[in-house]
Amino acid sequence: MAEAIGMMEGAFFVPKTEIFAWINKTLKVNITKIESLASGSLYCQIFDIIHPGKLSLSKVSWKAKLAHEFINNYKILQQAFLKCNISKTIEVAILVSARTES
């Protein structure tokens, strides 16, 4: 049975450079800034790797540049969460703005 982890768990304190390195290696991209993740397309791709077939990658806007296009990608991701019975709500406003302080 999986154990719940608290907010002080080490996983919550991973440097962003380490996260970027993992994303770059996993997705074969070159992310250097948090703003590169704002569109949500890479989150969708990561989710599809973890839960193959639960998210329709063909619906993802890969060249999204505007907030409404970003939001559509997060809606696709949220629908995939629901398909997998993941009850976490995606904080779209925070992710679209690509702020690191939240």
C-alpha atoms as a PDB file:
ATOM      1  CA  MET A   1       0.000   0.000   0.000  1.00  0.00           C
ATOM      2  CA  ALA A   2       1.312   3.460  -0.903  1.00  0.00           C
ATOM      3  CA  GLU A   3       2.208   5.740   1.961  1.00  0.00           C
ATOM      4  CA  ALA A   4       1.223   9.387   2.011  1.00  0.00           C
ATOM      5  CA  ILE A   5       4.117  11.806   2.012  1.00  0.00           C
ATOM      6  CA  GLY A   6       4.142  15.107   3.849  1.00  0.00           C
ATOM      7  CA  MET A   7       5.073  18.552   2.600  1.00  0.00           C
ATOM      8  CA  MET A   8       8.518  18.251   4.192  1.00  0.00           C
ATOM      9  CA  GLU A   9       9.398  15.195   2.094  1.00  0.00           C
ATOM     10  CA  GLY A  10      12.606  15.591   0.106  1.00  0.00           C
ATOM     11  CA  ALA A  11      10.745  15.215  -3.190  1.00  0.00           C
ATOM     12  CA  PHE A  12       9.270  18.689  -2.657  1.00  0.00           C
ATOM     13  CA  PHE A  13      12.734  20.261  -2.509  1.00  0.00           C
ATOM     14  CA  VAL A  14      14.287  19.145  -5.800  1.00  0.00           C
ATOM     15  CA  PRO A  15      16.151  21.967  -7.585  1.00  0.00           C
ATOM     16  CA  LYS A  16      14.541  23.088 -10.834  1.00  0.00           C
ATOM     17  CA  THR A  17      17.780  22.385 -12.704  1.00  0.00           C
ATOM     18  CA  GLU A  18      17.421  18.729 -11.722  1.00  0.00           C
ATOM     19  CA  ILE A  19      13.781  18.708 -12.834  1.00  0.00           C
ATOM     20  CA  PHE A  20      14.732  20.340 -16.145  1.00  0.00           C
ATOM     21  CA  ALA A  21      17.482  17.752 -16.651  1.00  0.00           C
ATOM     22  CA  TRP A  22      14.962  14.924 -16.111  1.00  0.00           C
ATOM     23  CA  ILE A  23      12.423  16.498 -18.493  1.00  0.00           C
ATOM     24  CA  ASN A  24      15.097  17.123 -21.130  1.00  0.00           C
ATOM     25  CA  LYS A  25      16.378  13.561 -20.929  1.00  0.00           C
ATOM     26  CA  THR A  26      12.917  11.955 -20.833  1.00  0.00           C
ATOM     27  CA  LEU A  27      11.324  14.013 -23.609  1.00  0.00           C
ATOM     28  CA  LYS A  28      14.486  14.772 -25.587  1.00  0.00           C
ATOM     29  CA  VAL A  29      13.924  18.528 -25.383  1.00  0.00           C
ATOM     30  CA  ASN A  30      16.021  21.441 -24.150  1.00  0.00           C
ATOM     31  CA  ILE A  31      14.095  23.203 -21.370  1.00  0.00           C
ATOM     32  CA  THR A  32      16.056  25.909 -19.546  1.00  0.00           C
ATOM     33  CA  LYS A  33      13.268  28.142 -18.220  1.00  0.00           C
ATOM     34  CA  ILE A  34      10.030  27.458 -16.356  1.00  0.00           C
ATOM     35  CA  GLU A  35       8.178  29.540 -18.959  1.00  0.00           C
ATOM     36  CA  SER A  36       8.790  26.729 -21.457  1.00  0.00           C
ATOM     37  CA  LEU A  37       6.329  24.572 -19.521  1.00  0.00           C
ATOM     38  CA  ALA A  38       3.470  27.106 -19.463  1.00  0.00           C
ATOM     39  CA  SER A  39       1.705  25.712 -22.548  1.00  0.00           C
ATOM     40  CA  GLY A  40       0.993  22.423 -20.775  1.00  0.00           C
ATOM     41  CA  SER A  41       2.001  20.347 -23.803  1.00  0.00           C
ATOM     42  CA  LEU A  42       5.035  18.835 -22.082  1.00  0.00           C
ATOM     43  CA  TYR A  43       2.952  17.999 -18.998  1.00  0.00           C
ATOM     44  CA  CYS A  44       0.566  16.156 -21.332  1.00  0.00           C
ATOM     45  CA  GLN A  45       3.461  14.263 -22.870  1.00  0.00           C
ATOM     46  CA  ILE A  46       4.828  13.269 -19.452  1.00  0.00           C
ATOM     47  CA  PHE A  47       1.371  12.111 -18.370  1.00  0.00           C
ATOM     48  CA  ASP A  48       1.071   9.995 -21.513  1.00  0.00           C
ATOM     49  CA  ILE A  49       4.382   8.315 -20.707  1.00  0.00           C
ATOM     50  CA  ILE A  50       3.187   7.480 -17.195  1.00  0.00           C
ATOM     51  CA  HIS A  51      -0.380   6.523 -18.240  1.00  0.00           C
ATOM     52  CA  PRO A  52      -0.199   5.455 -21.914  1.00  0.00           C
ATOM     53  CA  GLY A  53      -3.394   5.898 -23.881  1.00  0.00           C
ATOM     54  CA  LYS A  54      -5.293   7.835 -21.215  1.00  0.00           C
ATOM     55  CA  LEU A  55      -4.628  11.173 -22.899  1.00  0.00           C
ATOM     56  CA  SER A  56      -5.194  11.990 -26.571  1.00  0.00           C
ATOM     57  CA  LEU A  57      -1.908  13.540 -27.673  1.00  0.00           C
ATOM     58  CA  SER A  58      -3.438  14.361 -31.059  1.00  0.00           C
ATOM     59  CA  LYS A  59      -5.661  16.955 -29.322  1.00  0.00           C
ATOM     60  CA  VAL A  60      -2.723  18.731 -27.646  1.00  0.00           C
ATOM     61  CA  SER A  61      -1.763  22.080 -29.140  1.00  0.00           C
ATOM     62  CA  TRP A  62       2.014  21.631 -29.534  1.00  0.00           C
ATOM     63  CA  LYS A  63       2.631  25.120 -30.892  1.00  0.00           C
ATOM     64  CA  ALA A  64       0.426  26.925 -28.382  1.00  0.00           C
ATOM     65  CA  LYS A  65       1.465  30.541 -27.880  1.00  0.00           C
ATOM     66  CA  LEU A  66      -1.611  32.136 -26.310  1.00  0.00           C
ATOM     67  CA  ALA A  67      -3.223  31.626 -22.900  1.00  0.00           C
ATOM     68  CA  HIS A  68      -6.484  30.210 -24.307  1.00  0.00           C
ATOM     69  CA  GLU A  69      -4.471  27.567 -26.192  1.00  0.00           C
ATOM     70  CA  PHE A  70      -2.564  26.746 -22.987  1.00  0.00           C
ATOM     71  CA  ILE A  71      -5.846  26.376 -21.103  1.00  0.00           C
ATOM     72  CA  ASN A  72      -7.118  23.885 -23.673  1.00  0.00           C
ATOM     73  CA  ASN A  73      -4.030  21.734 -23.075  1.00  0.00           C
ATOM     74  CA  TYR A  74      -4.670  21.790 -19.326  1.00  0.00           C
ATOM     75  CA  LYS A  75      -8.305  20.776 -19.923  1.00  0.00           C
ATOM     76  CA  ILE A  76      -7.035  17.753 -21.863  1.00  0.00           C
ATOM     77  CA  LEU A  77      -4.679  16.950 -18.993  1.00  0.00           C
ATOM     78  CA  GLN A  78      -7.445  17.339 -16.374  1.00  0.00           C
ATOM     79  CA  GLN A  79      -9.689  14.973 -18.357  1.00  0.00           C
ATOM     80  CA  ALA A  80      -6.884  12.416 -18.364  1.00  0.00           C
ATOM     81  CA  PHE A  81      -6.549  12.837 -14.585  1.00  0.00           C
ATOM     82  CA  LEU A  82     -10.238  12.020 -14.227  1.00  0.00           C
ATOM     83  CA  LYS A  83      -9.899   8.925 -16.465  1.00  0.00           C
ATOM     84  CA  CYS A  84      -7.174   7.677 -14.128  1.00  0.00           C
ATOM     85  CA  ASN A  85      -9.162   8.539 -10.976  1.00  0.00           C
ATOM     86  CA  ILE A  86      -6.631  11.185  -9.964  1.00  0.00           C
ATOM     87  CA  SER A  87      -8.519  13.710  -7.869  1.00  0.00           C
ATOM     88  CA  LYS A  88      -5.869  16.445  -7.978  1.00  0.00           C
ATOM     89  CA  THR A  89      -7.147  19.707  -9.455  1.00  0.00           C
ATOM     90  CA  ILE A  90      -4.740  21.390 -11.844  1.00  0.00           C
ATOM     91  CA  GLU A  91      -3.933  24.981 -10.851  1.00  0.00           C
ATOM     92  CA  VAL A  92      -4.254  26.285 -14.404  1.00  0.00           C
ATOM     93  CA  ALA A  93      -3.866  30.005 -13.621  1.00  0.00           C
ATOM     94  CA  ILE A  94      -0.564  29.388 -11.833  1.00  0.00           C
ATOM     95  CA  LEU A  95       0.814  27.010 -14.480  1.00  0.00           C
ATOM     96  CA  VAL A  96      -0.172  29.222 -17.407  1.00  0.00           C
ATOM     97  CA  SER A  97       1.579  32.187 -15.819  1.00  0.00           C
ATOM     98  CA  ALA A  98       4.733  30.041 -15.285  1.00  0.00           C
ATOM     99  CA  ARG A  99       5.417  31.578 -11.873  1.00  0.00           C
ATOM    100  CA  THR A 100       7.964  29.776  -9.739  1.00  0.00           C
ATOM    101  CA  GLU A 101       6.946  31.248  -6.394  1.00  0.00           C
ATOM    102  CA  SER A 102       3.662  29.322  -6.137  1.00  0.00           C
END
